[in-house]
Structure formats: structure tokens, C-alpha cells
N, C-alpha and C. Protein backbone atom coordinates (compact mmCIF):
# COMPACT_ATOMS: atom_id res chain seq x y z
N MET A 1 144.32 61.24 -6.86
CA MET A 1 145.10 62.48 -6.66
C MET A 1 144.53 63.73 -7.32
N HIS A 2 144.50 64.79 -6.52
CA HIS A 2 144.21 65.99 -7.26
C HIS A 2 145.06 67.21 -6.77
N LEU A 3 145.65 67.77 -7.74
CA LEU A 3 146.63 68.65 -7.41
C LEU A 3 146.46 69.86 -8.27
N ALA A 4 146.71 71.06 -7.80
CA ALA A 4 146.81 72.35 -8.58
C ALA A 4 147.97 73.14 -8.14
N ALA A 5 148.85 73.38 -9.07
CA ALA A 5 150.21 73.97 -8.62
C ALA A 5 150.90 74.51 -9.81
N PRO A 6 151.77 75.51 -9.44
CA PRO A 6 152.82 76.13 -10.57
C PRO A 6 153.70 74.91 -10.85
N ALA A 7 154.18 74.93 -11.99
CA ALA A 7 155.00 73.66 -12.52
C ALA A 7 156.02 74.25 -13.61
N ILE A 8 157.07 73.39 -13.91
CA ILE A 8 157.89 73.71 -15.03
C ILE A 8 157.80 72.50 -15.95
N VAL A 9 157.50 72.73 -17.20
CA VAL A 9 157.42 71.68 -18.30
C VAL A 9 158.82 71.24 -18.46
N CYS A 10 159.14 69.81 -18.24
CA CYS A 10 160.27 69.21 -18.54
C CYS A 10 160.41 68.30 -19.63
N ALA A 11 159.40 67.61 -20.07
CA ALA A 11 159.45 66.69 -21.21
C ALA A 11 158.03 66.44 -21.66
N VAL A 12 158.01 66.37 -22.97
CA VAL A 12 156.65 66.23 -23.67
C VAL A 12 156.83 65.06 -24.69
N ARG A 13 155.80 64.10 -24.76
CA ARG A 13 155.93 63.01 -25.72
C ARG A 13 154.63 62.82 -26.32
N ALA A 14 154.40 62.70 -27.66
CA ALA A 14 153.16 62.46 -28.17
C ALA A 14 152.65 61.05 -27.71
N HIS A 15 151.22 61.05 -27.57
CA HIS A 15 150.52 59.80 -27.28
C HIS A 15 149.33 59.63 -27.86
N GLY A 16 148.96 58.70 -28.69
CA GLY A 16 147.86 58.62 -29.37
C GLY A 16 147.75 59.59 -30.57
N GLU A 17 146.52 59.76 -31.05
CA GLU A 17 146.25 60.62 -32.20
C GLU A 17 146.45 62.22 -31.85
N ALA A 18 146.01 62.52 -30.66
CA ALA A 18 145.98 63.95 -30.30
C ALA A 18 146.46 64.39 -28.93
N GLY A 19 146.88 63.37 -28.17
CA GLY A 19 147.24 63.75 -26.79
C GLY A 19 148.86 63.67 -26.71
N THR A 20 149.18 63.97 -25.57
CA THR A 20 150.62 64.00 -25.16
C THR A 20 150.71 63.69 -23.64
N ILE A 21 151.93 62.96 -23.39
CA ILE A 21 152.22 62.69 -22.14
C ILE A 21 153.38 63.85 -21.66
N VAL A 22 153.07 64.50 -20.47
CA VAL A 22 153.95 65.41 -20.15
C VAL A 22 154.44 65.30 -18.82
N ARG A 23 155.77 65.60 -18.58
CA ARG A 23 156.42 65.55 -17.23
C ARG A 23 156.73 67.00 -16.73
N LEU A 24 156.11 67.29 -15.62
CA LEU A 24 156.24 68.61 -14.98
C LEU A 24 156.93 68.48 -13.74
N MET A 25 157.69 69.52 -13.36
CA MET A 25 158.36 69.55 -12.16
C MET A 25 157.55 70.59 -11.21
N THR A 26 157.17 69.96 -9.96
CA THR A 26 156.33 70.77 -9.10
C THR A 26 157.11 70.95 -7.77
N GLU A 27 156.89 71.88 -6.97
CA GLU A 27 157.56 72.19 -5.75
C GLU A 27 157.31 71.03 -4.71
N GLU A 28 155.84 70.77 -4.57
CA GLU A 28 155.55 69.95 -3.49
C GLU A 28 155.52 68.34 -3.83
N GLN A 29 155.24 68.07 -5.02
CA GLN A 29 155.10 66.72 -5.55
C GLN A 29 156.28 66.30 -6.33
N GLY A 30 157.18 67.04 -6.59
CA GLY A 30 158.39 66.86 -7.52
C GLY A 30 157.98 66.55 -8.96
N LEU A 31 158.46 65.49 -9.51
CA LEU A 31 158.22 65.26 -10.92
C LEU A 31 156.88 64.40 -11.16
N LEU A 32 156.17 64.90 -11.93
CA LEU A 32 154.73 64.31 -12.24
C LEU A 32 154.68 64.12 -13.63
N ALA A 33 154.06 62.82 -14.05
CA ALA A 33 153.85 62.64 -15.36
C ALA A 33 152.24 62.52 -15.53
N GLY A 34 151.68 62.99 -16.61
CA GLY A 34 150.23 62.94 -16.88
C GLY A 34 149.93 63.07 -18.28
N TYR A 35 148.61 62.80 -18.60
CA TYR A 35 148.22 62.85 -20.01
C TYR A 35 147.50 64.13 -20.30
N VAL A 36 147.81 64.82 -21.25
CA VAL A 36 147.16 65.99 -21.68
C VAL A 36 146.36 65.78 -22.98
N PRO A 37 145.03 65.74 -22.91
CA PRO A 37 144.18 65.46 -24.06
C PRO A 37 144.32 66.76 -25.00
N GLY A 38 144.41 66.49 -26.28
CA GLY A 38 144.63 67.56 -27.21
C GLY A 38 145.87 68.24 -27.11
N GLY A 39 146.90 67.65 -26.50
CA GLY A 39 148.18 68.35 -26.34
C GLY A 39 148.92 68.56 -27.62
N LYS A 40 148.53 67.86 -28.71
CA LYS A 40 149.28 67.95 -30.11
C LYS A 40 148.49 69.06 -30.68
N GLY A 41 147.36 69.62 -30.23
CA GLY A 41 146.71 70.68 -31.03
C GLY A 41 147.27 72.06 -31.11
N ARG A 42 146.81 72.86 -32.02
CA ARG A 42 147.41 74.11 -32.25
C ARG A 42 147.46 74.95 -30.94
N ALA A 43 146.33 74.90 -30.23
CA ALA A 43 146.39 75.71 -28.94
C ALA A 43 147.22 75.36 -27.89
N MET A 44 147.67 74.01 -27.75
CA MET A 44 148.38 73.56 -26.66
C MET A 44 149.92 73.59 -27.17
N ARG A 45 150.16 73.52 -28.38
CA ARG A 45 151.63 73.17 -28.63
C ARG A 45 152.46 74.31 -28.02
N PRO A 46 152.00 75.72 -28.15
CA PRO A 46 153.02 76.70 -27.60
C PRO A 46 153.17 76.51 -26.06
N VAL A 47 152.22 75.89 -25.35
CA VAL A 47 152.10 75.86 -23.89
C VAL A 47 153.07 74.84 -23.58
N LEU A 48 153.00 73.56 -24.28
CA LEU A 48 153.72 72.24 -23.92
C LEU A 48 155.14 72.41 -24.52
N ILE A 49 155.86 73.20 -23.97
CA ILE A 49 157.36 73.41 -24.51
C ILE A 49 158.24 73.29 -23.21
N ALA A 50 159.21 72.37 -23.48
CA ALA A 50 160.19 72.21 -22.31
C ALA A 50 160.70 73.59 -21.77
N GLY A 51 160.76 73.77 -20.57
CA GLY A 51 161.17 75.08 -19.97
C GLY A 51 160.05 76.05 -19.58
N ASN A 52 158.92 75.85 -20.29
CA ASN A 52 157.83 76.82 -19.92
C ASN A 52 157.28 76.73 -18.55
N SER A 53 156.98 77.85 -17.87
CA SER A 53 156.28 77.77 -16.58
C SER A 53 154.75 77.75 -16.90
N VAL A 54 154.07 76.82 -16.07
CA VAL A 54 152.59 76.81 -16.35
C VAL A 54 151.96 76.64 -14.89
N ASP A 55 150.68 76.70 -14.93
CA ASP A 55 149.78 76.32 -13.78
C ASP A 55 149.10 75.10 -14.28
N ALA A 56 149.25 74.04 -13.34
CA ALA A 56 148.82 72.76 -13.77
C ALA A 56 147.80 72.19 -12.84
N GLU A 57 146.86 71.58 -13.36
CA GLU A 57 145.77 70.77 -12.56
C GLU A 57 146.04 69.30 -12.83
N VAL A 58 146.27 68.48 -11.91
CA VAL A 58 146.39 67.13 -12.07
C VAL A 58 145.42 66.24 -11.40
N ARG A 59 144.67 65.42 -12.15
CA ARG A 59 143.65 64.53 -11.46
C ARG A 59 143.87 63.09 -11.82
N ALA A 60 143.79 62.16 -10.91
CA ALA A 60 143.78 60.80 -11.13
C ALA A 60 142.66 60.43 -12.20
N ARG A 61 142.95 59.61 -13.19
CA ARG A 61 141.90 59.20 -14.03
C ARG A 61 141.34 57.82 -13.80
N PRO A 62 140.12 57.54 -13.58
CA PRO A 62 139.61 56.30 -13.30
C PRO A 62 140.02 55.23 -14.37
N GLY A 63 140.47 54.06 -13.82
CA GLY A 63 140.88 52.94 -14.57
C GLY A 63 142.24 53.17 -15.26
N SER A 64 142.99 54.27 -14.84
CA SER A 64 144.30 54.57 -15.63
C SER A 64 145.28 54.83 -14.43
N GLN A 65 146.59 54.35 -14.78
CA GLN A 65 147.58 54.69 -13.87
C GLN A 65 148.25 56.12 -14.06
N LEU A 66 147.84 56.70 -15.20
CA LEU A 66 148.38 57.98 -15.69
C LEU A 66 147.39 59.00 -15.26
N PRO A 67 147.61 59.95 -14.51
CA PRO A 67 146.69 61.10 -14.28
C PRO A 67 146.46 61.92 -15.49
N GLY A 68 145.32 62.63 -15.50
CA GLY A 68 145.09 63.59 -16.52
C GLY A 68 145.53 64.96 -16.16
N MET A 69 145.99 65.75 -17.01
CA MET A 69 146.41 67.14 -16.73
C MET A 69 145.72 68.12 -17.57
N ARG A 70 145.66 69.38 -16.95
CA ARG A 70 145.34 70.58 -17.66
C ARG A 70 146.26 71.52 -17.28
N VAL A 71 146.77 72.35 -18.23
CA VAL A 71 147.88 73.22 -18.06
C VAL A 71 147.58 74.60 -18.66
N GLU A 72 147.95 75.68 -18.01
CA GLU A 72 147.82 77.04 -18.57
C GLU A 72 149.20 77.63 -18.57
N LEU A 73 149.44 78.36 -19.56
CA LEU A 73 150.79 78.99 -19.67
C LEU A 73 150.88 80.22 -18.74
N VAL A 74 152.05 80.29 -18.07
CA VAL A 74 152.29 81.33 -17.15
C VAL A 74 153.38 82.23 -17.85
N ALA A 75 154.63 81.67 -18.15
CA ALA A 75 155.74 82.30 -18.80
C ALA A 75 156.12 81.46 -19.81
N SER A 76 156.48 81.87 -21.13
CA SER A 76 156.95 81.12 -22.16
C SER A 76 158.42 81.36 -22.33
N ARG A 77 159.25 80.35 -22.63
CA ARG A 77 160.76 80.50 -22.78
C ARG A 77 160.94 80.03 -24.27
N ALA A 78 159.79 80.16 -25.15
CA ALA A 78 159.92 79.66 -26.54
C ALA A 78 160.83 80.68 -27.31
N PRO A 79 160.76 81.96 -26.99
CA PRO A 79 161.58 82.89 -27.95
C PRO A 79 162.98 82.60 -27.73
N TRP A 80 163.52 82.07 -26.69
CA TRP A 80 164.92 81.72 -26.53
C TRP A 80 165.23 80.43 -27.12
N LEU A 81 164.38 79.68 -27.62
CA LEU A 81 164.67 78.44 -28.38
C LEU A 81 165.11 78.50 -29.73
N ALA A 82 164.95 79.74 -30.21
CA ALA A 82 165.47 80.17 -31.49
C ALA A 82 166.91 80.37 -31.46
N GLU A 83 167.63 80.63 -30.40
CA GLU A 83 168.97 80.78 -30.15
C GLU A 83 169.65 79.45 -29.74
N PRO A 84 170.77 79.05 -30.55
CA PRO A 84 171.21 77.75 -30.34
C PRO A 84 171.78 77.48 -28.77
N LEU A 85 172.47 78.42 -28.29
CA LEU A 85 173.03 78.23 -26.82
C LEU A 85 171.88 78.20 -25.89
N PRO A 86 171.00 79.20 -25.83
CA PRO A 86 170.01 79.04 -24.70
C PRO A 86 169.10 77.84 -25.02
N ALA A 87 168.83 77.40 -26.31
CA ALA A 87 167.98 76.24 -26.54
C ALA A 87 168.60 74.96 -26.09
N ALA A 88 169.86 74.94 -26.20
CA ALA A 88 170.73 73.67 -25.72
C ALA A 88 170.75 73.65 -24.21
N ALA A 89 170.88 74.83 -23.57
CA ALA A 89 170.85 74.87 -22.06
C ALA A 89 169.46 74.44 -21.46
N ILE A 90 168.44 75.12 -22.06
CA ILE A 90 167.20 74.76 -21.64
C ILE A 90 166.94 73.29 -21.78
N GLY A 91 167.24 72.76 -22.99
CA GLY A 91 166.86 71.47 -23.33
C GLY A 91 167.65 70.30 -22.32
N TRP A 92 168.84 70.74 -22.12
CA TRP A 92 169.61 69.81 -21.16
C TRP A 92 169.13 69.88 -19.78
N ALA A 93 168.89 71.11 -19.18
CA ALA A 93 168.40 71.17 -17.81
C ALA A 93 166.99 70.50 -17.64
N THR A 94 166.19 70.66 -18.51
CA THR A 94 164.77 70.06 -18.47
C THR A 94 164.96 68.53 -18.63
N ALA A 95 165.78 68.10 -19.65
CA ALA A 95 165.90 66.64 -19.89
C ALA A 95 166.56 65.96 -18.65
N LEU A 96 167.54 66.48 -18.11
CA LEU A 96 168.22 65.94 -17.02
C LEU A 96 167.12 65.79 -15.74
N THR A 97 166.32 66.76 -15.60
CA THR A 97 165.30 66.77 -14.50
C THR A 97 164.37 65.61 -14.67
N ALA A 98 163.85 65.57 -16.11
CA ALA A 98 162.88 64.54 -16.27
C ALA A 98 163.46 63.09 -16.15
N LEU A 99 164.77 62.78 -16.56
CA LEU A 99 165.15 61.52 -16.48
C LEU A 99 165.79 61.10 -15.18
N ALA A 100 166.50 62.00 -14.43
CA ALA A 100 167.30 61.66 -13.28
C ALA A 100 166.34 61.54 -12.07
N LEU A 101 165.24 62.27 -12.05
CA LEU A 101 164.42 62.32 -10.79
C LEU A 101 163.33 61.20 -10.75
N PRO A 102 163.21 60.56 -9.66
CA PRO A 102 161.94 59.61 -9.52
C PRO A 102 160.73 60.50 -9.43
N GLU A 103 159.58 59.87 -9.90
CA GLU A 103 158.36 60.67 -9.87
C GLU A 103 157.73 60.69 -8.46
N ARG A 104 157.03 61.77 -8.19
CA ARG A 104 156.37 61.97 -6.98
C ARG A 104 157.12 61.93 -5.62
N HIS A 105 158.38 62.45 -5.75
CA HIS A 105 159.21 62.75 -4.66
C HIS A 105 159.56 64.24 -4.56
N ALA A 106 159.34 64.90 -3.61
CA ALA A 106 159.48 66.39 -3.47
C ALA A 106 160.93 66.73 -3.42
N TYR A 107 161.26 67.62 -4.21
CA TYR A 107 162.70 68.26 -4.22
C TYR A 107 162.54 69.75 -4.38
N PRO A 108 162.11 70.46 -3.33
CA PRO A 108 161.63 71.85 -3.45
C PRO A 108 162.89 72.65 -3.81
N ALA A 109 164.02 72.29 -3.29
CA ALA A 109 165.37 73.08 -3.65
C ALA A 109 165.61 73.01 -5.16
N LEU A 110 165.41 71.87 -5.59
CA LEU A 110 165.62 71.52 -7.13
C LEU A 110 164.73 72.25 -8.07
N HIS A 111 163.32 72.32 -7.56
CA HIS A 111 162.47 73.00 -8.18
C HIS A 111 162.77 74.58 -8.34
N ALA A 112 163.08 75.11 -7.13
CA ALA A 112 163.57 76.57 -7.21
C ALA A 112 164.78 76.65 -7.98
N ALA A 113 165.73 75.88 -7.92
CA ALA A 113 167.02 76.05 -8.59
C ALA A 113 166.66 75.99 -10.10
N LEU A 114 165.87 75.05 -10.54
CA LEU A 114 165.64 74.90 -11.99
C LEU A 114 165.02 76.27 -12.41
N GLY A 115 163.97 76.80 -11.70
CA GLY A 115 163.31 78.02 -12.27
C GLY A 115 164.35 79.14 -12.28
N ALA A 116 165.26 79.22 -11.40
CA ALA A 116 166.26 80.25 -11.32
C ALA A 116 167.14 80.09 -12.51
N LEU A 117 167.63 78.93 -12.74
CA LEU A 117 168.60 78.74 -13.78
C LEU A 117 167.78 79.03 -15.16
N LEU A 118 166.66 78.46 -15.33
CA LEU A 118 166.14 78.90 -16.72
C LEU A 118 165.93 80.45 -16.88
N ASP A 119 165.55 81.17 -15.88
CA ASP A 119 165.56 82.51 -15.94
C ASP A 119 166.88 83.20 -16.27
N ALA A 120 167.91 82.65 -15.64
CA ALA A 120 169.29 83.10 -15.90
C ALA A 120 169.62 82.81 -17.34
N VAL A 121 169.37 81.60 -17.89
CA VAL A 121 169.72 81.22 -19.23
C VAL A 121 169.04 82.28 -20.17
N CYS A 122 167.81 82.63 -19.81
CA CYS A 122 167.05 83.56 -20.86
C CYS A 122 167.46 84.96 -20.64
N HIS A 123 167.86 85.55 -19.61
CA HIS A 123 168.12 86.88 -19.28
C HIS A 123 169.49 87.26 -18.97
N ALA A 124 170.39 86.51 -18.62
CA ALA A 124 171.68 86.86 -18.40
C ALA A 124 172.46 87.41 -19.71
N PRO A 125 173.26 88.43 -19.60
CA PRO A 125 173.78 88.96 -20.85
C PRO A 125 174.66 87.99 -21.70
N SER A 126 175.38 87.04 -20.95
CA SER A 126 176.07 86.00 -21.69
C SER A 126 176.13 84.70 -20.99
N ALA A 127 176.69 83.67 -21.46
CA ALA A 127 176.68 82.28 -20.85
C ALA A 127 177.66 82.37 -19.50
N ARG A 128 178.45 83.17 -19.45
CA ARG A 128 179.27 83.31 -18.41
C ARG A 128 178.41 83.81 -17.15
N GLY A 129 177.39 84.39 -17.33
CA GLY A 129 176.47 84.71 -16.25
C GLY A 129 175.45 83.45 -15.73
N TRP A 130 175.43 82.52 -16.66
CA TRP A 130 174.63 81.37 -16.18
C TRP A 130 175.21 79.89 -16.06
N VAL A 131 176.49 79.79 -16.59
CA VAL A 131 177.05 78.50 -16.51
C VAL A 131 177.38 78.08 -15.04
N PRO A 132 177.74 78.99 -14.18
CA PRO A 132 177.96 78.56 -12.80
C PRO A 132 176.69 78.09 -12.16
N GLY A 133 175.64 78.76 -12.52
CA GLY A 133 174.26 78.33 -12.08
C GLY A 133 173.90 76.86 -12.66
N MET A 134 174.35 76.47 -13.87
CA MET A 134 174.11 75.23 -14.40
C MET A 134 174.89 74.19 -13.59
N ILE A 135 176.19 74.49 -13.46
CA ILE A 135 176.99 73.54 -12.56
C ILE A 135 176.48 73.42 -11.09
N GLY A 136 175.98 74.53 -10.50
CA GLY A 136 175.35 74.41 -9.21
C GLY A 136 174.16 73.59 -9.22
N PHE A 137 173.30 73.70 -10.17
CA PHE A 137 172.06 72.75 -10.38
C PHE A 137 172.49 71.47 -10.42
N GLU A 138 173.30 71.05 -11.39
CA GLU A 138 173.79 69.73 -11.46
C GLU A 138 174.24 69.15 -10.14
N ALA A 139 175.09 69.95 -9.45
CA ALA A 139 175.64 69.53 -8.20
C ALA A 139 174.62 69.32 -7.19
N LEU A 140 173.66 70.30 -7.20
CA LEU A 140 172.52 70.03 -6.11
C LEU A 140 171.69 68.75 -6.42
N LEU A 141 171.45 68.53 -7.75
CA LEU A 141 170.76 67.17 -8.13
C LEU A 141 171.62 66.01 -7.61
N LEU A 142 172.91 66.04 -7.82
CA LEU A 142 173.61 64.91 -7.31
C LEU A 142 173.52 64.77 -5.76
N ARG A 143 173.58 65.89 -5.08
CA ARG A 143 173.37 65.85 -3.56
C ARG A 143 172.06 65.36 -3.22
N GLU A 144 171.03 65.86 -3.94
CA GLU A 144 169.65 65.45 -3.42
C GLU A 144 169.35 64.01 -3.74
N LEU A 145 170.05 63.41 -4.65
CA LEU A 145 169.77 61.97 -5.01
C LEU A 145 170.73 61.09 -4.25
N GLY A 146 171.59 61.70 -3.37
CA GLY A 146 172.32 60.90 -2.51
C GLY A 146 173.78 60.49 -2.94
N HIS A 147 174.28 61.20 -4.03
CA HIS A 147 175.54 60.93 -4.61
C HIS A 147 176.55 61.91 -4.21
N GLY A 148 176.39 62.78 -3.25
CA GLY A 148 177.33 63.70 -2.82
C GLY A 148 177.61 64.91 -3.67
N GLU A 149 177.95 65.94 -3.15
CA GLU A 149 178.27 67.16 -3.88
C GLU A 149 179.76 67.39 -4.10
N PRO A 150 180.26 67.42 -5.40
CA PRO A 150 181.56 67.64 -5.63
C PRO A 150 181.93 69.04 -5.31
N PRO A 151 183.38 69.21 -5.06
CA PRO A 151 183.67 70.63 -4.58
C PRO A 151 183.71 71.69 -5.81
N TRP A 152 182.58 71.93 -6.33
CA TRP A 152 182.56 72.72 -7.65
C TRP A 152 182.71 74.26 -7.22
N ARG A 153 182.28 74.56 -6.04
CA ARG A 153 182.52 76.05 -5.66
C ARG A 153 184.08 76.42 -5.56
N GLU A 154 184.80 75.49 -4.86
CA GLU A 154 186.13 75.65 -4.63
C GLU A 154 186.99 75.64 -6.05
N ALA A 155 186.38 74.66 -6.96
CA ALA A 155 187.03 74.54 -8.28
C ALA A 155 186.88 75.91 -8.97
N LEU A 156 185.74 76.48 -8.95
CA LEU A 156 185.55 77.69 -9.62
C LEU A 156 186.27 78.76 -9.07
N ALA A 157 186.48 78.83 -7.77
CA ALA A 157 187.22 79.88 -7.05
C ALA A 157 188.60 79.73 -7.36
N GLU A 158 189.15 78.56 -7.60
CA GLU A 158 190.55 78.50 -7.96
C GLU A 158 190.92 78.93 -9.42
N ASP A 159 190.00 78.73 -10.26
CA ASP A 159 190.22 79.30 -11.64
C ASP A 159 189.02 79.82 -12.23
N GLY A 160 188.78 81.09 -12.20
CA GLY A 160 187.60 81.83 -12.50
C GLY A 160 187.51 82.23 -13.98
N THR A 161 188.59 81.70 -14.84
CA THR A 161 188.55 81.97 -16.20
C THR A 161 187.48 81.21 -16.85
N TRP A 162 187.10 81.51 -18.14
CA TRP A 162 186.21 80.76 -18.90
C TRP A 162 186.63 79.32 -19.03
N ALA A 163 187.98 79.15 -19.31
CA ALA A 163 188.50 77.81 -19.52
C ALA A 163 188.38 76.95 -18.22
N GLY A 164 188.63 77.60 -17.20
CA GLY A 164 188.49 76.98 -15.88
C GLY A 164 186.98 76.60 -15.54
N MET A 165 186.09 77.46 -15.96
CA MET A 165 184.68 77.21 -15.73
C MET A 165 184.24 76.00 -16.68
N LEU A 166 184.68 75.92 -17.79
CA LEU A 166 184.32 74.81 -18.74
C LEU A 166 184.90 73.55 -18.23
N GLY A 167 186.11 73.52 -17.53
CA GLY A 167 186.78 72.41 -17.03
C GLY A 167 185.80 71.86 -15.71
N VAL A 168 185.29 72.69 -14.97
CA VAL A 168 184.44 72.15 -13.97
C VAL A 168 183.15 71.72 -14.57
N PHE A 169 182.71 72.35 -15.60
CA PHE A 169 181.42 71.72 -16.25
C PHE A 169 181.67 70.40 -16.70
N ASP A 170 182.82 70.05 -17.41
CA ASP A 170 183.16 68.82 -18.01
C ASP A 170 183.26 67.80 -16.80
N ARG A 171 183.82 68.18 -15.69
CA ARG A 171 184.07 67.17 -14.70
C ARG A 171 182.65 66.83 -14.01
N MET A 172 181.87 67.75 -13.97
CA MET A 172 180.50 67.54 -13.48
C MET A 172 179.63 66.67 -14.32
N GLY A 173 179.88 66.76 -15.60
CA GLY A 173 179.12 65.85 -16.63
C GLY A 173 179.55 64.48 -16.36
N LYS A 174 180.96 64.12 -16.12
CA LYS A 174 181.23 62.82 -16.00
C LYS A 174 180.72 62.17 -14.70
N ARG A 175 180.48 62.97 -13.53
CA ARG A 175 179.96 62.50 -12.49
C ARG A 175 178.40 62.21 -12.74
N LEU A 176 177.77 63.00 -13.39
CA LEU A 176 176.23 62.66 -13.82
C LEU A 176 176.39 61.33 -14.59
N ALA A 177 177.08 61.28 -15.49
CA ALA A 177 177.03 60.06 -16.39
C ALA A 177 177.34 58.78 -15.54
N ARG A 178 178.31 58.94 -14.53
CA ARG A 178 178.68 57.77 -13.73
C ARG A 178 177.42 57.30 -12.66
N TYR A 179 176.84 58.35 -12.16
CA TYR A 179 175.81 58.03 -11.04
C TYR A 179 174.49 58.16 -11.58
N PRO A 180 173.67 59.21 -11.47
CA PRO A 180 172.29 59.18 -11.65
C PRO A 180 171.88 58.80 -13.14
N LEU A 181 172.80 59.03 -14.13
CA LEU A 181 172.47 58.54 -15.43
C LEU A 181 173.20 57.44 -15.99
N ALA A 182 173.67 56.64 -15.04
CA ALA A 182 174.48 55.43 -15.45
C ALA A 182 173.77 54.41 -16.33
N ASP A 183 172.62 54.26 -16.09
CA ASP A 183 171.80 53.34 -17.00
C ASP A 183 170.92 53.82 -17.97
N ARG A 184 171.00 55.13 -18.16
CA ARG A 184 170.04 55.76 -19.22
C ARG A 184 170.63 57.11 -19.61
N ARG A 185 171.92 57.11 -19.88
CA ARG A 185 172.62 58.31 -20.31
C ARG A 185 172.84 58.59 -21.81
N GLY A 186 172.46 57.77 -22.69
CA GLY A 186 172.65 57.89 -24.05
C GLY A 186 172.02 59.22 -24.76
N ASP A 187 170.77 59.19 -24.70
CA ASP A 187 170.21 60.40 -25.25
C ASP A 187 170.28 61.63 -24.57
N VAL A 188 170.14 61.58 -23.19
CA VAL A 188 170.21 62.83 -22.42
C VAL A 188 171.69 63.25 -22.41
N MET A 189 172.58 62.55 -22.32
CA MET A 189 174.06 62.95 -22.35
C MET A 189 174.41 63.56 -23.72
N GLY A 190 173.70 63.01 -24.73
CA GLY A 190 173.91 63.75 -26.04
C GLY A 190 173.36 65.14 -25.96
N ALA A 191 172.29 65.41 -25.30
CA ALA A 191 171.94 66.84 -25.24
C ALA A 191 172.98 67.59 -24.42
N ARG A 192 173.62 67.13 -23.44
CA ARG A 192 174.72 67.77 -22.75
C ARG A 192 175.90 68.00 -23.70
N ALA A 193 176.27 66.89 -24.47
CA ALA A 193 177.27 67.11 -25.45
C ALA A 193 177.15 68.28 -26.41
N VAL A 194 175.82 68.48 -26.92
CA VAL A 194 175.46 69.60 -27.86
C VAL A 194 175.80 70.93 -27.07
N LEU A 195 175.29 71.10 -25.73
CA LEU A 195 175.43 72.13 -25.01
C LEU A 195 176.89 72.52 -24.91
N ARG A 196 177.68 71.32 -24.47
CA ARG A 196 179.20 71.72 -24.23
C ARG A 196 179.92 72.19 -25.58
N GLU A 197 179.48 71.55 -26.77
CA GLU A 197 180.13 71.93 -27.93
C GLU A 197 179.78 73.48 -28.28
N ARG A 198 178.59 73.82 -28.05
CA ARG A 198 178.28 75.44 -28.14
C ARG A 198 179.00 76.17 -27.37
N LEU A 199 179.12 75.83 -25.97
CA LEU A 199 180.00 76.55 -25.07
C LEU A 199 181.36 76.71 -25.51
N GLY A 200 181.88 75.71 -25.98
CA GLY A 200 183.28 75.61 -26.43
C GLY A 200 183.67 76.69 -27.60
N ARG A 201 182.57 77.11 -28.22
CA ARG A 201 182.81 78.05 -29.31
C ARG A 201 183.16 79.35 -28.92
N ILE A 202 182.72 79.62 -27.58
CA ILE A 202 182.89 80.98 -26.94
C ILE A 202 184.46 81.23 -26.68
N ASP A 203 185.00 82.14 -27.37
CA ASP A 203 186.46 82.46 -27.26
C ASP A 203 187.34 81.29 -27.47
N GLY A 204 186.91 80.45 -28.31
CA GLY A 204 187.64 79.19 -28.74
C GLY A 204 187.96 78.30 -27.47
N GLY A 205 186.81 78.03 -26.71
CA GLY A 205 186.95 77.24 -25.47
C GLY A 205 187.80 76.04 -25.43
N PRO A 206 188.26 75.62 -24.29
CA PRO A 206 189.02 74.41 -24.29
C PRO A 206 188.37 73.09 -24.47
N GLY A 207 189.08 72.09 -24.65
CA GLY A 207 188.63 70.61 -24.63
C GLY A 207 188.14 70.21 -23.24
N TYR A 208 187.96 68.92 -23.22
CA TYR A 208 187.26 68.37 -21.99
C TYR A 208 188.32 68.10 -20.98
N GLY A 209 187.83 68.30 -19.76
CA GLY A 209 188.68 68.19 -18.47
C GLY A 209 188.77 66.68 -17.90
N ASN A 210 189.52 66.64 -16.88
CA ASN A 210 189.51 65.39 -16.12
C ASN A 210 188.35 65.27 -15.00
N THR A 211 188.36 64.12 -14.53
CA THR A 211 187.33 63.86 -13.53
C THR A 211 187.68 64.57 -12.16
N PHE A 212 186.62 64.84 -11.29
CA PHE A 212 187.02 65.41 -9.91
C PHE A 212 187.71 64.47 -9.19
N SER A 213 188.66 64.90 -8.28
CA SER A 213 189.39 63.98 -7.55
C SER A 213 188.55 63.61 -6.23
């Protein structure tokens, strides 16, 4: 395999003394895992941050099932990781993508939605501007994986308050835990719980809602 494409960094894990295993979301190949030599070095650490947009070159490595990767930074979202709420949102969206999707299956709509969501998290004036996008991204992921799309638009239309929005967010989380993350939800749903707790601090937000009917 040889691929050169724009990508979004979704997960990074140290491997060996100097390298890293990186999971990238691409438009045409979906989620790809590969080995970045020197990924733990000073030059690559600012590039290999979950949420960053990169140009990636992926090549199959002889004698290895894991392709080699070279990545160059296109857009960094590191400045927003210093803010607790954007950092939690970026961490959840990328972790969900990395864990829920099978590798090497194209999901172009999810790729586009993830990029738009991350842009909104970084540039919207407040969380009210991007929480509906987060809910929509989660609903799209459920639909793309064959679990159906809950009526989140109708739910938001019925109650457009912040409390109503968080209620829809809570119900979506329960569907994610029940379906695509049923066997591996511990750590990644912990990331969602951190995000929910920080969202709940806005205007003394409400507690957790019920499931979708």
C-alpha cells in the first residue's frame, strides 16, 4: 500500500524507544494505523497531537503488518488543548473515531464531519455553537456503522435551551455505549464523561437525561 492524503490525527501511542503508532482518519481509506519512526522526538511531538490536520504518506513495510508513516503538519489544534472544554471535546471526538471505526473502511462523510466539528470547537464563540455539531457527528457515526440515527434534530427542535441540548447529548452517549462501544467503552466513555462534566458547568447545567425512545 502506498497512500498520500490529508488526514486527521486521532490517536497516538508510544512504540519502542523512539517511535509511535498513530491512527489517522483519511477521506478515501478511512482509519489507518501506522508506525512513525522518531515520533517521540522533539520535532514530531507537536505534529502528532490528536486533532491536528496533517499531510500523510503511508507505505507498507516489508515483513511487517503495520505500514510506515510520514506526516507533515498542516493545521495545529494544540493551542486549544490548553483550554479545558475544547481539549475535552477534541479528545472525545478523536478517541471515539479511533476506537469505534474499523480500519481501512472509507467513511468520507465522517471524515468531513470530524474536520468541521474540530474547526467549530476551536473557533465557535461558545460551546453552544458546537455542541449540536458534536451530537450530529455522533449520530452520523451511529448511522454509518449501521446502528440507525436517533431523532436528535427533532429533539433539539423541541427544546432549544441549553438544558435541552445537554439532555440530547446525554441520550446520544447512552446509545454509543450500548452499540459501537459496547465491548470497549471504559476508557473512551471516560473521556466523554469528562466532556459532559465540563459542559454541565455552563450556567449550572442539568444532570443526565433518559434514553431515546
